[in-house]
C-alpha atoms as a PDB file:
ATOM      1  CA  MET A   1      -1.435  38.358  37.540  1.00  0.00           C
ATOM      2  CA  ILE A   2      -2.242  37.707  41.599  1.00  0.00           C
ATOM      3  CA  LEU A   3      -5.839  36.368  42.411  1.00  0.00           C
ATOM      4  CA  ARG A   4      -6.969  36.140  45.685  1.00  0.00           C
ATOM      5  CA  HIS A   5      -9.893  34.214  47.317  1.00  0.00           C
ATOM      6  CA  THR A   6     -11.314  33.543  50.683  1.00  0.00           C
ATOM      7  CA  PHE A   7     -13.451  30.548  51.011  1.00  0.00           C
ATOM      8  CA  SER A   8     -16.233  30.710  53.506  1.00  0.00           C
ATOM      9  CA  PRO A   9     -17.512  29.923  55.890  1.00  0.00           C
ATOM     10  CA  PRO A  10     -14.322  28.767  57.470  1.00  0.00           C
ATOM     11  CA  ASN A  11     -14.254  24.827  57.750  1.00  0.00           C
ATOM     12  CA  ASN A  12     -10.871  23.439  58.680  1.00  0.00           C
ATOM     13  CA  LEU A  13     -11.808  19.956  57.892  1.00  0.00           C
ATOM     14  CA  ARG A  14     -12.873  20.813  54.092  1.00  0.00           C
ATOM     15  CA  MET A  15      -9.599  22.966  54.020  1.00  0.00           C
ATOM     16  CA  GLY A  16      -7.644  19.819  54.929  1.00  0.00           C
ATOM     17  CA  HIS A  17      -9.386  17.986  52.151  1.00  0.00           C
ATOM     18  CA  LEU A  18      -9.131  20.622  49.600  1.00  0.00           C
ATOM     19  CA  CYS A  19      -5.498  21.024  50.083  1.00  0.00           C
ATOM     20  CA  GLY A  20      -4.415  17.295  50.542  1.00  0.00           C
ATOM     21  CA  PRO A  21      -1.786  15.722  52.819  1.00  0.00           C
ATOM     22  CA  LEU A  22       1.009  17.950  52.954  1.00  0.00           C
ATOM     23  CA  ASP A  23      -0.663  20.339  50.350  1.00  0.00           C
ATOM     24  CA  ALA A  24      -0.171  17.656  47.823  1.00  0.00           C
ATOM     25  CA  HIS A  25      -3.210  18.766  45.795  1.00  0.00           C
ATOM     26  CA  LEU A  26      -2.009  22.159  45.654  1.00  0.00           C
ATOM     27  CA  ARG A  27       1.206  21.048  44.387  1.00  0.00           C
ATOM     28  CA  THR A  28      -0.378  19.052  41.620  1.00  0.00           C
ATOM     29  CA  ILE A  29      -2.118  22.038  40.415  1.00  0.00           C
ATOM     30  CA  GLU A  30       0.788  24.206  40.600  1.00  0.00           C
ATOM     31  CA  GLN A  31       2.649  21.682  38.527  1.00  0.00           C
ATOM     32  CA  ALA A  32       0.040  21.171  35.898  1.00  0.00           C
ATOM     33  CA  LEU A  33      -0.843  25.117  35.373  1.00  0.00           C
ATOM     34  CA  GLU A  34       2.663  26.524  36.105  1.00  0.00           C
ATOM     35  CA  VAL A  35       1.367  28.736  38.857  1.00  0.00           C
ATOM     36  CA  SER A  36       2.178  29.610  42.458  1.00  0.00           C
ATOM     37  CA  ILE A  37      -0.334  28.846  45.247  1.00  0.00           C
ATOM     38  CA  ALA A  38       0.015  30.221  48.706  1.00  0.00           C
ATOM     39  CA  HIS A  39      -2.706  29.902  51.421  1.00  0.00           C
ATOM     40  CA  ARG A  40      -3.140  30.997  55.201  1.00  0.00           C
ATOM     41  CA  HIS A  41      -6.005  29.035  56.393  1.00  0.00           C
ATOM     42  CA  GLU A  42      -8.964  29.688  54.100  1.00  0.00           C
ATOM     43  CA  GLN A  43      -7.283  32.660  52.393  1.00  0.00           C
ATOM     44  CA  PHE A  44      -5.734  31.563  49.082  1.00  0.00           C
ATOM     45  CA  LYS A  45      -3.287  33.548  46.583  1.00  0.00           C
ATOM     46  CA  ILE A  46      -2.544  32.434  43.240  1.00  0.00           C
ATOM     47  CA  ASP A  47       0.339  34.103  41.361  1.00  0.00           C
ATOM     48  CA  GLY A  48       0.954  33.389  37.453  1.00  0.00           C
ATOM     49  CA  PRO A  49      -0.241  34.314  34.002  1.00  0.00           C
ATOM     50  CA  LYS A  50      -3.822  35.224  33.730  1.00  0.00           C
ATOM     51  CA  GLY A  51      -5.395  32.333  32.105  1.00  0.00           C
ATOM     52  CA  PRO A  52      -3.640  29.572  34.132  1.00  0.00           C
ATOM     53  CA  ALA A  53      -4.310  31.580  37.413  1.00  0.00           C
ATOM     54  CA  THR A  54      -8.063  31.723  36.644  1.00  0.00           C
ATOM     55  CA  ARG A  55      -8.130  28.119  35.676  1.00  0.00           C
ATOM     56  CA  ALA A  56      -6.288  27.202  38.910  1.00  0.00           C
ATOM     57  CA  MET A  57      -8.902  29.315  41.000  1.00  0.00           C
ATOM     58  CA  GLU A  58     -11.870  27.687  39.169  1.00  0.00           C
ATOM     59  CA  VAL A  59     -10.357  24.315  40.111  1.00  0.00           C
ATOM     60  CA  LEU A  60      -9.743  25.063  43.536  1.00  0.00           C
ATOM     61  CA  GLN A  61     -13.298  26.441  43.894  1.00  0.00           C
ATOM     62  CA  ALA A  62     -14.731  23.117  42.254  1.00  0.00           C
ATOM     63  CA  LEU A  63     -12.679  21.052  44.479  1.00  0.00           C
ATOM     64  CA  TYR A  64     -14.028  23.029  47.478  1.00  0.00           C
ATOM     65  CA  GLU A  65     -17.690  21.828  46.617  1.00  0.00           C
ATOM     66  CA  LEU A  66     -16.279  18.179  46.777  1.00  0.00           C
ATOM     67  CA  ALA A  67     -14.364  18.837  50.181  1.00  0.00           C
ATOM     68  CA  GLN A  68     -17.052  17.461  52.682  1.00  0.00           C
ATOM     69  CA  ARG A  69     -14.974  14.222  52.160  1.00  0.00           C
ATOM     70  CA  PRO A  70     -11.198  13.417  51.348  1.00  0.00           C
ATOM     71  CA  ILE A  71     -10.420  14.204  47.567  1.00  0.00           C
ATOM     72  CA  SER A  72      -8.387  11.543  45.661  1.00  0.00           C
ATOM     73  CA  GLU A  73      -5.389  12.436  43.701  1.00  0.00           C
ATOM     74  CA  GLU A  74      -7.332  11.074  40.594  1.00  0.00           C
ATOM     75  CA  THR A  75      -9.936  13.571  41.241  1.00  0.00           C
ATOM     76  CA  VAL A  76      -7.786  16.440  41.150  1.00  0.00           C
ATOM     77  CA  GLN A  77      -6.057  15.149  37.820  1.00  0.00           C
ATOM     78  CA  LEU A  78      -9.390  14.913  36.337  1.00  0.00           C
ATOM     79  CA  MET A  79     -10.318  18.369  37.190  1.00  0.00           C
ATOM     80  CA  LEU A  80      -7.103  19.506  35.512  1.00  0.00           C
ATOM     81  CA  ALA A  81      -7.738  17.302  32.409  1.00  0.00           C
ATOM     82  CA  GLY A  82     -11.267  18.431  31.666  1.00  0.00           C
ATOM     83  CA  ASP A  83     -14.215  20.396  32.522  1.00  0.00           C
ATOM     84  CA  ALA A  84     -14.337  20.611  36.296  1.00  0.00           C
ATOM     85  CA  GLU A  85     -18.213  19.950  35.948  1.00  0.00           C
ATOM     86  CA  MET A  86     -17.269  16.525  34.587  1.00  0.00           C
ATOM     87  CA  ALA A  87     -15.436  15.333  37.445  1.00  0.00           C
ATOM     88  CA  THR A  88     -18.081  16.230  40.149  1.00  0.00           C
ATOM     89  CA  ALA A  89     -18.778  13.710  42.842  1.00  0.00           C
ATOM     90  CA  ASP A  90     -22.240  12.884  41.922  1.00  0.00           C
ATOM     91  CA  GLY A  91     -21.753  13.494  38.000  1.00  0.00           C
ATOM     92  CA  THR A  92     -24.664  15.792  37.762  1.00  0.00           C
ATOM     93  CA  ASN A  93     -23.344  18.037  35.271  1.00  0.00           C
ATOM     94  CA  GLY A  94     -26.192  18.328  32.915  1.00  0.00           C
ATOM     95  CA  SER A  95     -24.317  16.178  30.105  1.00  0.00           C
ATOM     96  CA  LYS A  96     -26.460  14.361  27.603  1.00  0.00           C
ATOM     97  CA  ALA A  97     -23.605  11.650  27.495  1.00  0.00           C
ATOM     98  CA  PRO A  98     -25.124   8.097  28.351  1.00  0.00           C
ATOM     99  CA  THR A  99     -23.984   6.742  31.770  1.00  0.00           C
ATOM    100  CA  LEU A 100     -22.824   3.236  31.750  1.00  0.00           C
ATOM    101  CA  ALA A 101     -23.575   0.470  34.410  1.00  0.00           C
ATOM    102  CA  THR A 102     -20.450  -1.414  35.509  1.00  0.00           C
ATOM    103  CA  ARG A 103     -19.148  -3.363  38.439  1.00  0.00           C
ATOM    104  CA  LYS A 104     -17.784   0.292  39.310  1.00  0.00           C
ATOM    105  CA  GLY A 105     -21.070   1.900  39.471  1.00  0.00           C
ATOM    106  CA  GLU A 106     -22.238   4.260  36.910  1.00  0.00           C
ATOM    107  CA  LEU A 107     -19.467   5.455  34.460  1.00  0.00           C
ATOM    108  CA  ARG A 108     -19.606   8.803  33.070  1.00  0.00           C
ATOM    109  CA  ALA A 109     -17.426  10.780  30.496  1.00  0.00           C
ATOM    110  CA  ARG A 110     -14.838  12.995  32.036  1.00  0.00           C
ATOM    111  CA  THR A 111     -14.203  15.299  29.101  1.00  0.00           C
ATOM    112  CA  PRO A 112     -16.198  16.738  26.527  1.00  0.00           C
ATOM    113  CA  ASN A 113     -14.891  14.581  23.758  1.00  0.00           C
ATOM    114  CA  GLN A 114     -15.372  11.575  25.642  1.00  0.00           C
ATOM    115  CA  ALA A 115     -19.014  12.671  26.109  1.00  0.00           C
ATOM    116  CA  ILE A 116     -19.125  12.926  22.382  1.00  0.00           C
ATOM    117  CA  TYR A 117     -17.730   9.590  21.972  1.00  0.00           C
ATOM    118  CA  LEU A 118     -20.173   7.940  24.279  1.00  0.00           C
ATOM    119  CA  GLU A 119     -22.877   9.636  22.240  1.00  0.00           C
ATOM    120  CA  ASN A 120     -21.552   8.551  19.025  1.00  0.00           C
ATOM    121  CA  ILE A 121     -21.147   4.884  20.228  1.00  0.00           C
ATOM    122  CA  ALA A 122     -24.698   5.005  21.265  1.00  0.00           C
ATOM    123  CA  ALA A 123     -26.106   6.323  18.085  1.00  0.00           C
ATOM    124  CA  HIS A 124     -23.966   4.619  15.352  1.00  0.00           C
ATOM    125  CA  ASP A 125     -23.290   1.036  14.398  1.00  0.00           C
ATOM    126  CA  ILE A 126     -19.614   1.741  13.682  1.00  0.00           C
ATOM    127  CA  THR A 127     -17.421   4.303  15.641  1.00  0.00           C
ATOM    128  CA  PHE A 128     -13.733   5.462  15.257  1.00  0.00           C
ATOM    129  CA  GLY A 129     -12.064   7.004  18.400  1.00  0.00           C
ATOM    130  CA  ILE A 130      -8.642   8.444  17.299  1.00  0.00           C
ATOM    131  CA  GLY A 131      -6.230  10.207  19.678  1.00  0.00           C
ATOM    132  CA  PRO A 132      -3.337   9.977  21.912  1.00  0.00           C
ATOM    133  CA  ALA A 133      -2.582   7.580  24.678  1.00  0.00           C
ATOM    134  CA  GLY A 134      -4.655   8.218  27.949  1.00  0.00           C
ATOM    135  CA  THR A 135      -7.656   9.619  26.604  1.00  0.00           C
ATOM    136  CA  GLY A 136      -9.942   6.796  27.414  1.00  0.00           C
ATOM    137  CA  LYS A 137     -10.657   5.264  24.087  1.00  0.00           C
ATOM    138  CA  THR A 138     -10.345   1.605  24.782  1.00  0.00           C
ATOM    139  CA  TYR A 139     -11.522   1.626  28.479  1.00  0.00           C
ATOM    140  CA  LEU A 140     -14.710   3.659  27.569  1.00  0.00           C
ATOM    141  CA  ALA A 141     -15.294   1.250  24.403  1.00  0.00           C
ATOM    142  CA  VAL A 142     -15.111  -1.707  26.580  1.00  0.00           C
ATOM    143  CA  ALA A 143     -17.335  -0.162  29.283  1.00  0.00           C
ATOM    144  CA  CYS A 144     -20.021   0.406  26.556  1.00  0.00           C
ATOM    145  CA  ALA A 145     -19.657  -3.252  25.576  1.00  0.00           C
ATOM    146  CA  VAL A 146     -20.014  -4.485  29.156  1.00  0.00           C
ATOM    147  CA  ASP A 147     -22.908  -2.120  29.471  1.00  0.00           C
ATOM    148  CA  ALA A 148     -24.674  -3.279  26.439  1.00  0.00           C
ATOM    149  CA  LEU A 149     -24.127  -7.124  27.540  1.00  0.00           C
ATOM    150  CA  GLU A 150     -25.663  -6.513  30.966  1.00  0.00           C
ATOM    151  CA  ARG A 151     -28.745  -4.802  29.113  1.00  0.00           C
ATOM    152  CA  SER A 152     -28.947  -7.826  26.810  1.00  0.00           C
ATOM    153  CA  ALA A 153     -28.333  -5.284  23.857  1.00  0.00           C
ATOM    154  CA  VAL A 154     -26.076  -7.877  22.489  1.00  0.00           C
ATOM    155  CA  GLN A 155     -25.272 -11.392  23.200  1.00  0.00           C
ATOM    156  CA  ARG A 156     -21.600 -11.408  23.330  1.00  0.00           C
ATOM    157  CA  ILE A 157     -18.440  -9.057  23.267  1.00  0.00           C
ATOM    158  CA  VAL A 158     -15.552  -9.572  20.749  1.00  0.00           C
ATOM    159  CA  LEU A 159     -12.333  -7.907  21.586  1.00  0.00           C
ATOM    160  CA  THR A 160      -9.367  -7.888  18.928  1.00  0.00           C
ATOM    161  CA  ARG A 161      -6.237  -6.263  18.056  1.00  0.00           C
ATOM    162  CA  PRO A 162      -3.678  -6.896  15.448  1.00  0.00           C
ATOM    163  CA  ALA A 163      -0.648  -8.670  17.050  1.00  0.00           C
ATOM    164  CA  VAL A 164       2.148  -6.263  15.657  1.00  0.00           C
ATOM    165  CA  GLU A 165       5.533  -6.193  17.286  1.00  0.00           C
ATOM    166  CA  ALA A 166       6.865  -3.097  18.785  1.00  0.00           C
ATOM    167  CA  GLY A 167      10.501  -3.919  18.456  1.00  0.00           C
ATOM    168  CA  GLU A 168      10.380  -7.501  19.398  1.00  0.00           C
ATOM    169  CA  LYS A 169       9.451 -10.679  17.228  1.00  0.00           C
ATOM    170  CA  LEU A 170       6.483 -12.580  17.981  1.00  0.00           C
ATOM    171  CA  GLY A 171       8.091 -16.110  17.265  1.00  0.00           C
ATOM    172  CA  TYR A 172      10.803 -15.447  19.913  1.00  0.00           C
ATOM    173  CA  LEU A 173       8.299 -15.322  22.694  1.00  0.00           C
ATOM    174  CA  PRO A 174       7.822 -18.485  24.747  1.00  0.00           C
ATOM    175  CA  GLY A 175       4.879 -20.828  24.668  1.00  0.00           C
ATOM    176  CA  ASP A 176       2.265 -21.780  21.968  1.00  0.00           C
ATOM    177  CA  LEU A 177       0.322 -19.532  19.820  1.00  0.00           C
ATOM    178  CA  ASN A 178      -2.189 -18.310  22.587  1.00  0.00           C
ATOM    179  CA  GLN A 179       0.537 -17.692  25.060  1.00  0.00           C
ATOM    180  CA  LYS A 180       2.480 -15.809  22.346  1.00  0.00           C
ATOM    181  CA  VAL A 181      -0.515 -13.517  21.479  1.00  0.00           C
ATOM    182  CA  ASP A 182      -1.759 -13.075  25.030  1.00  0.00           C
ATOM    183  CA  PRO A 183       0.862 -10.232  25.923  1.00  0.00           C
ATOM    184  CA  TYR A 184      -0.655  -8.225  23.150  1.00  0.00           C
ATOM    185  CA  LEU A 185      -4.210  -8.748  24.390  1.00  0.00           C
ATOM    186  CA  ARG A 186      -3.492  -8.070  27.970  1.00  0.00           C
ATOM    187  CA  PRO A 187      -4.646  -4.319  28.089  1.00  0.00           C
ATOM    188  CA  LEU A 188      -8.118  -5.675  26.964  1.00  0.00           C
ATOM    189  CA  TYR A 189      -7.947  -8.256  29.761  1.00  0.00           C
ATOM    190  CA  ASP A 190      -7.196  -5.515  32.302  1.00  0.00           C
ATOM    191  CA  ALA A 191     -10.150  -3.327  31.215  1.00  0.00           C
ATOM    192  CA  LEU A 192     -12.453  -6.136  31.410  1.00  0.00           C
ATOM    193  CA  TYR A 193     -11.291  -7.205  34.935  1.00  0.00           C
ATOM    194  CA  ASP A 194     -11.634  -3.807  36.005  1.00  0.00           C
ATOM    195  CA  LEU A 195     -15.128  -3.348  34.894  1.00  0.00           C
ATOM    196  CA  MET A 196     -16.541  -6.778  35.246  1.00  0.00           C
ATOM    197  CA  GLY A 197     -14.386  -8.505  38.012  1.00  0.00           C
ATOM    198  CA  PHE A 198     -12.520 -11.607  37.766  1.00  0.00           C
ATOM    199  CA  ASP A 199     -15.106 -14.053  38.582  1.00  0.00           C
ATOM    200  CA  LYS A 200     -17.595 -12.723  36.119  1.00  0.00           C
ATOM    201  CA  VAL A 201     -15.162 -12.399  33.347  1.00  0.00           C
ATOM    202  CA  GLN A 202     -14.319 -16.045  33.687  1.00  0.00           C
ATOM    203  CA  LYS A 203     -17.870 -17.116  33.580  1.00  0.00           C
ATOM    204  CA  ALA A 204     -18.558 -15.097  30.492  1.00  0.00           C
ATOM    205  CA  PHE A 205     -15.681 -16.670  28.942  1.00  0.00           C
ATOM    206  CA  GLU A 206     -17.071 -20.251  29.740  1.00  0.00           C
ATOM    207  CA  ARG A 207     -20.392 -19.187  28.332  1.00  0.00           C
ATOM    208  CA  ASN A 208     -18.610 -17.742  25.146  1.00  0.00           C
ATOM    209  CA  MET A 209     -20.167 -14.321  25.960  1.00  0.00           C
ATOM    210  CA  LEU A 210     -16.617 -12.914  25.848  1.00  0.00           C
ATOM    211  CA  GLU A 211     -13.913 -13.604  23.180  1.00  0.00           C
ATOM    212  CA  ILE A 212     -10.550 -12.051  22.867  1.00  0.00           C
ATOM    213  CA  ALA A 213      -8.538 -12.905  19.755  1.00  0.00           C
ATOM    214  CA  PRO A 214      -5.817 -11.518  17.322  1.00  0.00           C
ATOM    215  CA  LEU A 215      -7.256  -9.675  14.333  1.00  0.00           C
ATOM    216  CA  ALA A 216      -5.990 -12.321  11.987  1.00  0.00           C
ATOM    217  CA  PHE A 217      -8.441 -14.882  13.765  1.00  0.00           C
ATOM    218  CA  MET A 218     -11.552 -12.492  12.346  1.00  0.00           C
ATOM    219  CA  ARG A 219     -11.096 -13.483   8.785  1.00  0.00           C
ATOM    220  CA  GLY A 220     -14.167 -15.409   7.257  1.00  0.00           C
ATOM    221  CA  ARG A 221     -16.251 -14.790  10.184  1.00  0.00           C
ATOM    222  CA  THR A 222     -19.725 -12.663  10.553  1.00  0.00           C
ATOM    223  CA  LEU A 223     -20.222 -11.288  13.927  1.00  0.00           C
ATOM    224  CA  SER A 224     -23.887 -10.932  14.518  1.00  0.00           C
ATOM    225  CA  ASN A 225     -25.305  -9.581  17.770  1.00  0.00           C
ATOM    226  CA  ALA A 226     -22.084  -8.773  19.090  1.00  0.00           C
ATOM    227  CA  PHE A 227     -20.446  -5.747  20.247  1.00  0.00           C
ATOM    228  CA  VAL A 228     -17.079  -5.604  18.622  1.00  0.00           C
ATOM    229  CA  ILE A 229     -13.778  -3.509  19.504  1.00  0.00           C
ATOM    230  CA  LEU A 230     -10.701  -3.352  17.220  1.00  0.00           C
ATOM    231  CA  ASP A 231      -7.980  -1.896  19.598  1.00  0.00           C
ATOM    232  CA  GLU A 232      -4.630  -0.413  18.414  1.00  0.00           C
ATOM    233  CA  ALA A 233      -6.106  -0.047  14.723  1.00  0.00           C
ATOM    234  CA  GLN A 234      -3.254   2.202  13.834  1.00  0.00           C
ATOM    235  CA  ASN A 235      -1.074  -1.188  13.324  1.00  0.00           C
ATOM    236  CA  THR A 236      -3.674  -2.673  10.704  1.00  0.00           C
ATOM    237  CA  THR A 237      -2.979  -2.547   7.087  1.00  0.00           C
ATOM    238  CA  PRO A 238      -5.796  -1.143   4.789  1.00  0.00           C
ATOM    239  CA  GLU A 239      -6.611  -4.746   3.861  1.00  0.00           C
ATOM    240  CA  GLN A 240      -6.807  -5.763   7.433  1.00  0.00           C
ATOM    241  CA  MET A 241      -9.221  -2.751   8.301  1.00  0.00           C
ATOM    242  CA  LYS A 242     -11.552  -3.715   5.353  1.00  0.00           C
ATOM    243  CA  MET A 243     -11.516  -7.254   6.302  1.00  0.00           C
ATOM    244  CA  PHE A 244     -12.456  -6.213  10.107  1.00  0.00           C
ATOM    245  CA  LEU A 245     -15.310  -3.591   9.096  1.00  0.00           C
ATOM    246  CA  THR A 246     -16.865  -6.258   6.641  1.00  0.00           C
ATOM    247  CA  ARG A 247     -17.276  -8.794   9.500  1.00  0.00           C
ATOM    248  CA  ILE A 248     -20.116  -6.827  11.034  1.00  0.00           C
ATOM    249  CA  GLY A 249     -23.638  -8.572  10.903  1.00  0.00           C
ATOM    250  CA  PHE A 250     -27.019  -7.848  11.874  1.00  0.00           C
ATOM    251  CA  GLY A 251     -27.440  -6.448  15.453  1.00  0.00           C
ATOM    252  CA  ALA A 252     -23.732  -5.746  15.973  1.00  0.00           C
ATOM    253  CA  LYS A 253     -21.958  -2.393  16.757  1.00  0.00           C
ATOM    254  CA  ALA A 254     -18.231  -1.925  16.173  1.00  0.00           C
ATOM    255  CA  VAL A 255     -15.677   0.267  17.956  1.00  0.00           C
ATOM    256  CA  VAL A 256     -12.373   1.212  16.351  1.00  0.00           C
ATOM    257  CA  THR A 257      -9.796   2.752  18.280  1.00  0.00           C
ATOM    258  CA  GLY A 258      -6.269   3.820  17.515  1.00  0.00           C
ATOM    259  CA  ASP A 259      -3.407   6.385  17.960  1.00  0.00           C
ATOM    260  CA  PRO A 260      -1.885   7.425  14.703  1.00  0.00           C
ATOM    261  CA  SER A 261       1.298   8.535  16.378  1.00  0.00           C
ATOM    262  CA  GLN A 262       2.009   5.078  17.617  1.00  0.00           C
ATOM    263  CA  ILE A 263       2.336   3.147  14.350  1.00  0.00           C
ATOM    264  CA  ASP A 264       4.553  -0.065  14.652  1.00  0.00           C
ATOM    265  CA  LEU A 265       4.086  -1.104  11.015  1.00  0.00           C
ATOM    266  CA  PRO A 266       7.216  -0.998   8.645  1.00  0.00           C
ATOM    267  CA  ARG A 267       7.743   2.424   7.725  1.00  0.00           C
ATOM    268  CA  GLU A 268       6.809   1.953   3.964  1.00  0.00           C
ATOM    269  CA  GLN A 269       3.263   0.302   5.042  1.00  0.00           C
ATOM    270  CA  LEU A 270       0.231   2.731   5.061  1.00  0.00           C
ATOM    271  CA  SER A 271      -1.908   2.234   8.300  1.00  0.00           C
ATOM    272  CA  GLY A 272      -5.185   1.025   7.908  1.00  0.00           C
ATOM    273  CA  LEU A 273      -6.518   3.527  10.564  1.00  0.00           C
ATOM    274  CA  ILE A 274      -5.258   6.431   8.448  1.00  0.00           C
ATOM    275  CA  ASP A 275      -6.531   5.230   5.275  1.00  0.00           C
ATOM    276  CA  ALA A 276      -9.965   4.355   6.806  1.00  0.00           C
ATOM    277  CA  GLU A 277     -10.397   7.835   8.263  1.00  0.00           C
ATOM    278  CA  ARG A 278      -9.818   9.130   4.635  1.00  0.00           C
ATOM    279  CA  VAL A 279     -12.057   6.550   2.631  1.00  0.00           C
ATOM    280  CA  LEU A 280     -15.031   6.463   5.156  1.00  0.00           C
ATOM    281  CA  LYS A 281     -15.323  10.037   6.260  1.00  0.00           C
ATOM    282  CA  ARG A 282     -18.378  10.518   4.339  1.00  0.00           C
ATOM    283  CA  VAL A 283     -20.077   7.018   4.815  1.00  0.00           C
ATOM    284  CA  LYS A 284     -23.369   7.634   6.763  1.00  0.00           C
ATOM    285  CA  GLY A 285     -23.861   5.441   9.717  1.00  0.00           C
ATOM    286  CA  ILE A 286     -20.028   5.849  10.676  1.00  0.00           C
ATOM    287  CA  ALA A 287     -18.815   8.312  13.338  1.00  0.00           C
ATOM    288  CA  LEU A 288     -15.646   9.601  14.340  1.00  0.00           C
ATOM    289  CA  THR A 289     -14.488  11.201  17.490  1.00  0.00           C
ATOM    290  CA  ARG A 290     -10.948  12.809  17.631  1.00  0.00           C
ATOM    291  CA  PHE A 291      -9.271  13.109  21.010  1.00  0.00           C
ATOM    292  CA  THR A 292      -6.437  15.485  21.937  1.00  0.00           C
ATOM    293  CA  SER A 293      -4.085  16.056  24.851  1.00  0.00           C
ATOM    294  CA  ALA A 294      -6.761  17.866  26.566  1.00  0.00           C
ATOM    295  CA  ASP A 295      -8.573  14.738  26.805  1.00  0.00           C
ATOM    296  CA  VAL A 296      -5.629  12.665  28.731  1.00  0.00           C
ATOM    297  CA  VAL A 297      -7.010  11.334  31.946  1.00  0.00           C
ATOM    298  CA  ARG A 298      -3.647   9.871  33.225  1.00  0.00           C
ATOM    299  CA  HIS A 299      -0.961  11.774  35.065  1.00  0.00           C
ATOM    300  CA  PRO A 300      -0.734  15.454  33.860  1.00  0.00           C
ATOM    301  CA  LEU A 301       2.774  14.763  32.447  1.00  0.00           C
ATOM    302  CA  VAL A 302       1.314  12.461  30.009  1.00  0.00           C
ATOM    303  CA  ALA A 303      -0.776  15.480  28.284  1.00  0.00           C
ATOM    304  CA  ARG A 304       2.681  17.287  28.266  1.00  0.00           C
ATOM    305  CA  ILE A 305       4.559  14.405  26.714  1.00  0.00           C
ATOM    306  CA  VAL A 306       1.701  14.018  23.756  1.00  0.00           C
ATOM    307  CA  ASP A 307       2.157  17.686  23.003  1.00  0.00           C
ATOM    308  CA  ALA A 308       5.780  17.563  23.049  1.00  0.00           C
ATOM    309  CA  TYR A 309       6.037  14.661  20.594  1.00  0.00           C
ATOM    310  CA  ASP A 310       3.092  16.098  18.358  1.00  0.00           C
ATOM    311  CA  ALA A 311       5.282  19.239  18.088  1.00  0.00           C
ATOM    312  CA  ALA A 312       8.231  17.253  17.212  1.00  0.00           C
ATOM    313  CA  PRO A 313       9.131  16.038  13.584  1.00  0.00           C
ATOM    314  CA  SER A 314       7.696  12.501  13.074  1.00  0.00           C
ATOM    315  CA  PRO A 315      10.540  10.051  12.652  1.00  0.00           C
ATOM    316  CA  ARG A 316       8.470   8.392   9.886  1.00  0.00           C
ATOM    317  CA  ALA A 317       8.272  11.518   8.077  1.00  0.00           C
ATOM    318  CA  ALA A 318      11.790  12.526   8.350  1.00  0.00           C
ATOM    319  CA  ALA A 319      13.042   9.048   7.349  1.00  0.00           C
ATOM    320  CA  ARG A 320      10.757   9.343   4.216  1.00  0.00           C
ATOM    321  CA  ARG A 321      12.240  12.770   3.202  1.00  0.00           C
ATOM    322  CA  ARG A 322      15.961  11.125   3.739  1.00  0.00           C
ATOM    323  CA  ASP A 323      14.776   8.428   1.373  1.00  0.00           C
ATOM    324  CA  GLU A 324      13.453  10.889  -1.283  1.00  0.00           C
ATOM    325  CA  THR A 325      16.686  12.709  -1.339  1.00  0.00           C
END
């Protein structure tokens, strides 16, 4: 199928912003949607299957609305990742999803499922975010926590994750206990620094308004008036998951994130995240948001990688079948 479109009125500056340096934005759209795009000045021709060609035209038209100024590669990829309206410059897309106040300005959802996720976090005391890498589960949860702290809705933020080795043994890492577990907590530090800034994060640590610790350190505690995030929850055991969820005190809000396709537990060990999804699905006050490859907001190849691994047989399931035979 061939689609043709002429952008009017002709504007060379906007055309340059739309196409990107050396037509880089057009090449990104071609690769992501597997179509061919040709243009002569403001006249565009898109060749490909009906669905992808129509989608490519919609993306081009949405980008043209933003082309008064240079368009970043990230914006193009976000357009391809979710609804075009989600990535508009001013974010005025009619979505009821909350906006979050951070150092980077107002932060909004970039895909429909992200909007549902933010709404669930705002409306529920415990929220599960389950899905593949790159869908913004952890980043948005940390952004919600930072926003709540800025509004004084909570007194502190507690971030935790299980220190489960992905092929390496914790004891062989250099340093004391804090230095050993620090690499496992680094993604949480990165999100905090990005959303709050280095100086503000350090001051928050000094005032005990921020805490990052391995999940094992949560036992026996009651976390009141806090925003608590459990990351990489697929690597918890059912006992650890129950222990974490029962730490929640008055005035607290908890978000649990994880990806069932990236379980690093021993093969025979049931994941606490999978178990919690089954056990808690009918419990009032708990929300669950499922993400898919359509919500991936990293490089377009990440979504394809996720789909390819989802379509392939699971190594854990294959090994289990071998054991049974």
